[in-house]
């Protein structure tokens, strides 16, 4: 059985095993919001299995930088080739070193851009200036990601009924709207 995890403001953030939920409860990090009917027994303790738990304090993830990854470079560059401004899908996007590694360029936020295959091939192992090409924008490490993917939890058939009040109903998003 799984346990739904809420942040301090009652928003769903994860689904974990009931064993992990009991450990977080034992550590004093969470409170139980809803319980299953099933009992968990040990030699000295008997509790109901947690169905929904809530963290008592917020996460301390603030201050961490944005992860340097292909997906985040793609998002930073707004899914567009930084030489011709053509929109490129993830499978056809290439990651170009502005200053090629052969010329001392490093794999950093400030030296990687999205490029379409034709532009990347035309540039080759040269800098944009050497290839007679111009960058649309100067690559830099983003302070925040506007297009960051956020997890959205939806209630689906078969999930515990108490979860419904904390999760969006999947039918809400997939039913046809009336005109």
C-alpha atoms as a PDB file:
ATOM      1  CA  UNK A   1       0.000   0.000   0.000  1.00  0.00           C
ATOM      2  CA  UNK A   2       1.113   3.524  -0.701  1.00  0.00           C
ATOM      3  CA  UNK A   3       0.906   6.707   1.306  1.00  0.00           C
ATOM      4  CA  UNK A   4       0.191  10.128  -0.178  1.00  0.00           C
ATOM      5  CA  UNK A   5       2.619  12.827   1.012  1.00  0.00           C
ATOM      6  CA  UNK A   6       1.542  16.460   1.370  1.00  0.00           C
ATOM      7  CA  UNK A   7       3.694  19.526   1.942  1.00  0.00           C
ATOM      8  CA  UNK A   8       2.935  21.808   4.936  1.00  0.00           C
ATOM      9  CA  UNK A   9       0.275  23.647   2.891  1.00  0.00           C
ATOM     10  CA  UNK A  10      -1.564  20.391   2.075  1.00  0.00           C
ATOM     11  CA  UNK A  11      -0.425  20.123  -1.561  1.00  0.00           C
ATOM     12  CA  UNK A  12       0.483  16.631  -2.828  1.00  0.00           C
ATOM     13  CA  UNK A  13       4.212  16.147  -3.427  1.00  0.00           C
ATOM     14  CA  UNK A  14       4.813  12.374  -3.580  1.00  0.00           C
ATOM     15  CA  UNK A  15       3.586   8.831  -3.137  1.00  0.00           C
ATOM     16  CA  UNK A  16       5.702   6.614  -0.888  1.00  0.00           C
ATOM     17  CA  UNK A  17       5.516   3.188   0.719  1.00  0.00           C
ATOM     18  CA  UNK A  18       3.701   2.920   4.038  1.00  0.00           C
ATOM     19  CA  UNK A  19       6.998   1.709   5.576  1.00  0.00           C
ATOM     20  CA  UNK A  20       8.747   4.974   4.604  1.00  0.00           C
ATOM     21  CA  UNK A  21       5.744   6.910   5.927  1.00  0.00           C
ATOM     22  CA  UNK A  22       5.994   5.160   9.304  1.00  0.00           C
ATOM     23  CA  UNK A  23       9.721   5.956   9.434  1.00  0.00           C
ATOM     24  CA  UNK A  24       9.043   9.673   8.745  1.00  0.00           C
ATOM     25  CA  UNK A  25       6.343   9.609  11.424  1.00  0.00           C
ATOM     26  CA  UNK A  26       8.723   7.957  13.909  1.00  0.00           C
ATOM     27  CA  UNK A  27      11.321  10.679  13.141  1.00  0.00           C
ATOM     28  CA  UNK A  28       8.750  13.365  13.950  1.00  0.00           C
ATOM     29  CA  UNK A  29       8.906  14.920  10.464  1.00  0.00           C
ATOM     30  CA  UNK A  30       5.278  14.300   9.498  1.00  0.00           C
ATOM     31  CA  UNK A  31       1.800  14.050  10.916  1.00  0.00           C
ATOM     32  CA  UNK A  32      -0.872  11.583   9.866  1.00  0.00           C
ATOM     33  CA  UNK A  33      -3.811  13.196   8.071  1.00  0.00           C
ATOM     34  CA  UNK A  34      -5.727  10.029   7.105  1.00  0.00           C
ATOM     35  CA  UNK A  35      -5.296   6.352   8.000  1.00  0.00           C
ATOM     36  CA  UNK A  36      -6.181   3.010   6.432  1.00  0.00           C
ATOM     37  CA  UNK A  37      -8.202   0.499   8.478  1.00  0.00           C
ATOM     38  CA  UNK A  38      -5.220  -1.850   8.533  1.00  0.00           C
ATOM     39  CA  UNK A  39      -3.150  -2.112  11.721  1.00  0.00           C
ATOM     40  CA  UNK A  40       0.631  -2.228  11.934  1.00  0.00           C
ATOM     41  CA  UNK A  41       1.828  -4.156  14.944  1.00  0.00           C
ATOM     42  CA  UNK A  42       5.189  -4.542  16.621  1.00  0.00           C
ATOM     43  CA  UNK A  43       6.055  -6.012  20.005  1.00  0.00           C
ATOM     44  CA  UNK A  44       5.434  -2.713  21.814  1.00  0.00           C
ATOM     45  CA  UNK A  45       3.423  -0.624  19.338  1.00  0.00           C
ATOM     46  CA  UNK A  46       0.180  -0.780  17.390  1.00  0.00           C
ATOM     47  CA  UNK A  47      -0.777   1.966  14.908  1.00  0.00           C
ATOM     48  CA  UNK A  48      -3.023   2.294  11.882  1.00  0.00           C
ATOM     49  CA  UNK A  49      -1.296   2.304   8.503  1.00  0.00           C
ATOM     50  CA  UNK A  50      -0.977   5.915   7.253  1.00  0.00           C
ATOM     51  CA  UNK A  51      -2.915   6.738   4.081  1.00  0.00           C
ATOM     52  CA  UNK A  52      -2.023  10.451   3.931  1.00  0.00           C
ATOM     53  CA  UNK A  53       0.796  12.240   5.770  1.00  0.00           C
ATOM     54  CA  UNK A  54       1.819  15.885   5.857  1.00  0.00           C
ATOM     55  CA  UNK A  55       5.284  17.325   6.398  1.00  0.00           C
ATOM     56  CA  UNK A  56       5.374  19.602   9.442  1.00  0.00           C
ATOM     57  CA  UNK A  57       8.046  21.899   8.010  1.00  0.00           C
ATOM     58  CA  UNK A  58       8.908  23.019   4.489  1.00  0.00           C
ATOM     59  CA  UNK A  59      11.737  21.657   2.419  1.00  0.00           C
ATOM     60  CA  UNK A  60      15.157  23.287   2.653  1.00  0.00           C
ATOM     61  CA  UNK A  61      15.870  22.978  -1.060  1.00  0.00           C
ATOM     62  CA  UNK A  62      16.034  26.737  -1.556  1.00  0.00           C
ATOM     63  CA  UNK A  63      19.435  28.000  -2.506  1.00  0.00           C
ATOM     64  CA  UNK A  64      20.258  25.043  -4.718  1.00  0.00           C
ATOM     65  CA  UNK A  65      21.120  26.033  -8.244  1.00  0.00           C
ATOM     66  CA  UNK A  66      19.336  24.808 -11.311  1.00  0.00           C
ATOM     67  CA  UNK A  67      20.682  21.458 -12.446  1.00  0.00           C
ATOM     68  CA  UNK A  68      22.822  21.639 -15.586  1.00  0.00           C
ATOM     69  CA  UNK A  69      21.127  19.135 -17.877  1.00  0.00           C
ATOM     70  CA  UNK A  70      20.182  18.767 -21.530  1.00  0.00           C
ATOM     71  CA  UNK A  71      16.505  19.263 -20.672  1.00  0.00           C
ATOM     72  CA  UNK A  72      17.195  22.481 -18.774  1.00  0.00           C
ATOM     73  CA  UNK A  73      19.383  23.879 -21.593  1.00  0.00           C
ATOM     74  CA  UNK A  74      16.543  23.038 -23.984  1.00  0.00           C
ATOM     75  CA  UNK A  75      14.062  24.880 -21.737  1.00  0.00           C
ATOM     76  CA  UNK A  76      16.403  27.856 -21.245  1.00  0.00           C
ATOM     77  CA  UNK A  77      16.715  28.258 -25.031  1.00  0.00           C
ATOM     78  CA  UNK A  78      12.914  28.078 -25.437  1.00  0.00           C
ATOM     79  CA  UNK A  79      13.122  24.960 -27.663  1.00  0.00           C
ATOM     80  CA  UNK A  80      14.708  27.030 -30.451  1.00  0.00           C
ATOM     81  CA  UNK A  81      17.923  26.790 -32.431  1.00  0.00           C
ATOM     82  CA  UNK A  82      20.118  29.633 -31.181  1.00  0.00           C
ATOM     83  CA  UNK A  83      21.473  30.270 -34.693  1.00  0.00           C
ATOM     84  CA  UNK A  84      18.407  30.269 -36.999  1.00  0.00           C
ATOM     85  CA  UNK A  85      15.578  30.584 -34.402  1.00  0.00           C
ATOM     86  CA  UNK A  86      13.819  27.477 -35.771  1.00  0.00           C
ATOM     87  CA  UNK A  87      11.717  25.582 -33.216  1.00  0.00           C
ATOM     88  CA  UNK A  88      13.259  22.137 -32.730  1.00  0.00           C
ATOM     89  CA  UNK A  89      11.765  19.122 -30.999  1.00  0.00           C
ATOM     90  CA  UNK A  90      13.778  17.337 -28.315  1.00  0.00           C
ATOM     91  CA  UNK A  91      14.730  14.387 -30.551  1.00  0.00           C
ATOM     92  CA  UNK A  92      16.104  16.643 -33.293  1.00  0.00           C
ATOM     93  CA  UNK A  93      17.771  19.181 -30.972  1.00  0.00           C
ATOM     94  CA  UNK A  94      21.556  19.087 -30.723  1.00  0.00           C
ATOM     95  CA  UNK A  95      23.689  20.625 -28.026  1.00  0.00           C
ATOM     96  CA  UNK A  96      26.377  22.845 -29.450  1.00  0.00           C
ATOM     97  CA  UNK A  97      29.552  24.062 -27.745  1.00  0.00           C
ATOM     98  CA  UNK A  98      29.761  27.753 -28.709  1.00  0.00           C
ATOM     99  CA  UNK A  99      33.540  27.580 -28.289  1.00  0.00           C
ATOM    100  CA  UNK A 100      34.337  24.006 -29.436  1.00  0.00           C
ATOM    101  CA  UNK A 101      36.038  21.698 -26.977  1.00  0.00           C
ATOM    102  CA  UNK A 102      38.902  21.336 -29.466  1.00  0.00           C
ATOM    103  CA  UNK A 103      39.516  25.068 -28.957  1.00  0.00           C
ATOM    104  CA  UNK A 104      39.329  24.907 -25.167  1.00  0.00           C
ATOM    105  CA  UNK A 105      35.572  25.324 -24.759  1.00  0.00           C
ATOM    106  CA  UNK A 106      34.024  23.760 -21.678  1.00  0.00           C
ATOM    107  CA  UNK A 107      30.681  22.073 -21.092  1.00  0.00           C
ATOM    108  CA  UNK A 108      29.022  24.794 -19.018  1.00  0.00           C
ATOM    109  CA  UNK A 109      25.813  26.839 -19.030  1.00  0.00           C
ATOM    110  CA  UNK A 110      27.757  29.686 -20.638  1.00  0.00           C
ATOM    111  CA  UNK A 111      29.102  27.594 -23.548  1.00  0.00           C
ATOM    112  CA  UNK A 112      26.236  25.245 -24.530  1.00  0.00           C
ATOM    113  CA  UNK A 113      23.260  26.174 -26.717  1.00  0.00           C
ATOM    114  CA  UNK A 114      20.498  24.347 -28.574  1.00  0.00           C
ATOM    115  CA  UNK A 115      21.062  24.040 -32.327  1.00  0.00           C
ATOM    116  CA  UNK A 116      19.217  22.344 -35.154  1.00  0.00           C
ATOM    117  CA  UNK A 117      21.188  19.704 -37.052  1.00  0.00           C
ATOM    118  CA  UNK A 118      21.782  21.845 -40.194  1.00  0.00           C
ATOM    119  CA  UNK A 119      23.129  24.784 -38.147  1.00  0.00           C
ATOM    120  CA  UNK A 120      25.282  22.543 -35.957  1.00  0.00           C
ATOM    121  CA  UNK A 121      26.756  20.880 -39.065  1.00  0.00           C
ATOM    122  CA  UNK A 122      27.333  24.244 -40.773  1.00  0.00           C
ATOM    123  CA  UNK A 123      29.139  25.559 -37.685  1.00  0.00           C
ATOM    124  CA  UNK A 124      31.223  22.408 -37.314  1.00  0.00           C
ATOM    125  CA  UNK A 125      34.225  22.647 -34.999  1.00  0.00           C
ATOM    126  CA  UNK A 126      34.433  26.431 -35.248  1.00  0.00           C
ATOM    127  CA  UNK A 127      33.228  29.351 -33.159  1.00  0.00           C
ATOM    128  CA  UNK A 128      30.168  31.215 -34.475  1.00  0.00           C
ATOM    129  CA  UNK A 129      32.442  34.081 -35.618  1.00  0.00           C
ATOM    130  CA  UNK A 130      34.738  31.686 -37.502  1.00  0.00           C
ATOM    131  CA  UNK A 131      31.694  30.088 -39.175  1.00  0.00           C
ATOM    132  CA  UNK A 132      30.101  33.463 -40.023  1.00  0.00           C
ATOM    133  CA  UNK A 133      27.104  32.730 -37.791  1.00  0.00           C
ATOM    134  CA  UNK A 134      25.470  34.809 -35.086  1.00  0.00           C
ATOM    135  CA  UNK A 135      24.003  33.626 -31.770  1.00  0.00           C
ATOM    136  CA  UNK A 136      20.478  34.846 -30.999  1.00  0.00           C
ATOM    137  CA  UNK A 137      21.299  35.222 -27.315  1.00  0.00           C
ATOM    138  CA  UNK A 138      24.311  34.913 -25.076  1.00  0.00           C
ATOM    139  CA  UNK A 139      24.119  31.649 -23.154  1.00  0.00           C
ATOM    140  CA  UNK A 140      24.097  32.050 -19.380  1.00  0.00           C
ATOM    141  CA  UNK A 141      23.119  30.122 -16.293  1.00  0.00           C
ATOM    142  CA  UNK A 142      19.436  30.832 -15.581  1.00  0.00           C
ATOM    143  CA  UNK A 143      18.426  32.167 -12.187  1.00  0.00           C
ATOM    144  CA  UNK A 144      15.082  30.384 -12.429  1.00  0.00           C
ATOM    145  CA  UNK A 145      13.355  28.209 -14.958  1.00  0.00           C
ATOM    146  CA  UNK A 146      10.014  29.543 -16.152  1.00  0.00           C
ATOM    147  CA  UNK A 147       9.166  26.310 -17.923  1.00  0.00           C
ATOM    148  CA  UNK A 148      10.154  24.017 -15.088  1.00  0.00           C
ATOM    149  CA  UNK A 149       8.085  20.877 -15.097  1.00  0.00           C
ATOM    150  CA  UNK A 150       5.949  20.571 -12.010  1.00  0.00           C
ATOM    151  CA  UNK A 151       4.430  17.313 -10.982  1.00  0.00           C
ATOM    152  CA  UNK A 152       0.686  17.245 -11.018  1.00  0.00           C
ATOM    153  CA  UNK A 153      -1.037  14.463  -9.130  1.00  0.00           C
ATOM    154  CA  UNK A 154      -4.455  13.406 -10.307  1.00  0.00           C
ATOM    155  CA  UNK A 155      -6.977  11.129  -8.684  1.00  0.00           C
ATOM    156  CA  UNK A 156      -7.581   7.973 -10.677  1.00  0.00           C
ATOM    157  CA  UNK A 157      -9.888   5.027 -10.225  1.00  0.00           C
ATOM    158  CA  UNK A 158      -8.461   2.546  -7.730  1.00  0.00           C
ATOM    159  CA  UNK A 159      -6.710   5.106  -5.528  1.00  0.00           C
ATOM    160  CA  UNK A 160      -7.810   5.319  -1.889  1.00  0.00           C
ATOM    161  CA  UNK A 161     -10.951   7.448  -1.565  1.00  0.00           C
ATOM    162  CA  UNK A 162      -9.493   9.782   1.132  1.00  0.00           C
ATOM    163  CA  UNK A 163      -6.848  10.897  -1.410  1.00  0.00           C
ATOM    164  CA  UNK A 164      -9.558  12.396  -3.652  1.00  0.00           C
ATOM    165  CA  UNK A 165      -9.922  15.617  -1.670  1.00  0.00           C
ATOM    166  CA  UNK A 166      -6.185  16.344  -2.103  1.00  0.00           C
ATOM    167  CA  UNK A 167      -5.790  15.256  -5.745  1.00  0.00           C
ATOM    168  CA  UNK A 168      -7.340  16.638  -8.901  1.00  0.00           C
ATOM    169  CA  UNK A 169      -9.850  14.369 -10.551  1.00  0.00           C
ATOM    170  CA  UNK A 170      -8.419  13.020 -13.817  1.00  0.00           C
ATOM    171  CA  UNK A 171     -11.881  13.261 -15.431  1.00  0.00           C
ATOM    172  CA  UNK A 172     -11.822  17.033 -14.867  1.00  0.00           C
ATOM    173  CA  UNK A 173      -8.855  17.363 -17.238  1.00  0.00           C
ATOM    174  CA  UNK A 174      -9.885  14.774 -19.837  1.00  0.00           C
ATOM    175  CA  UNK A 175     -13.599  15.357 -20.376  1.00  0.00           C
ATOM    176  CA  UNK A 176     -14.733  17.368 -23.378  1.00  0.00           C
ATOM    177  CA  UNK A 177     -15.720  20.964 -22.692  1.00  0.00           C
ATOM    178  CA  UNK A 178     -19.086  22.288 -23.811  1.00  0.00           C
ATOM    179  CA  UNK A 179     -19.143  25.204 -26.240  1.00  0.00           C
END
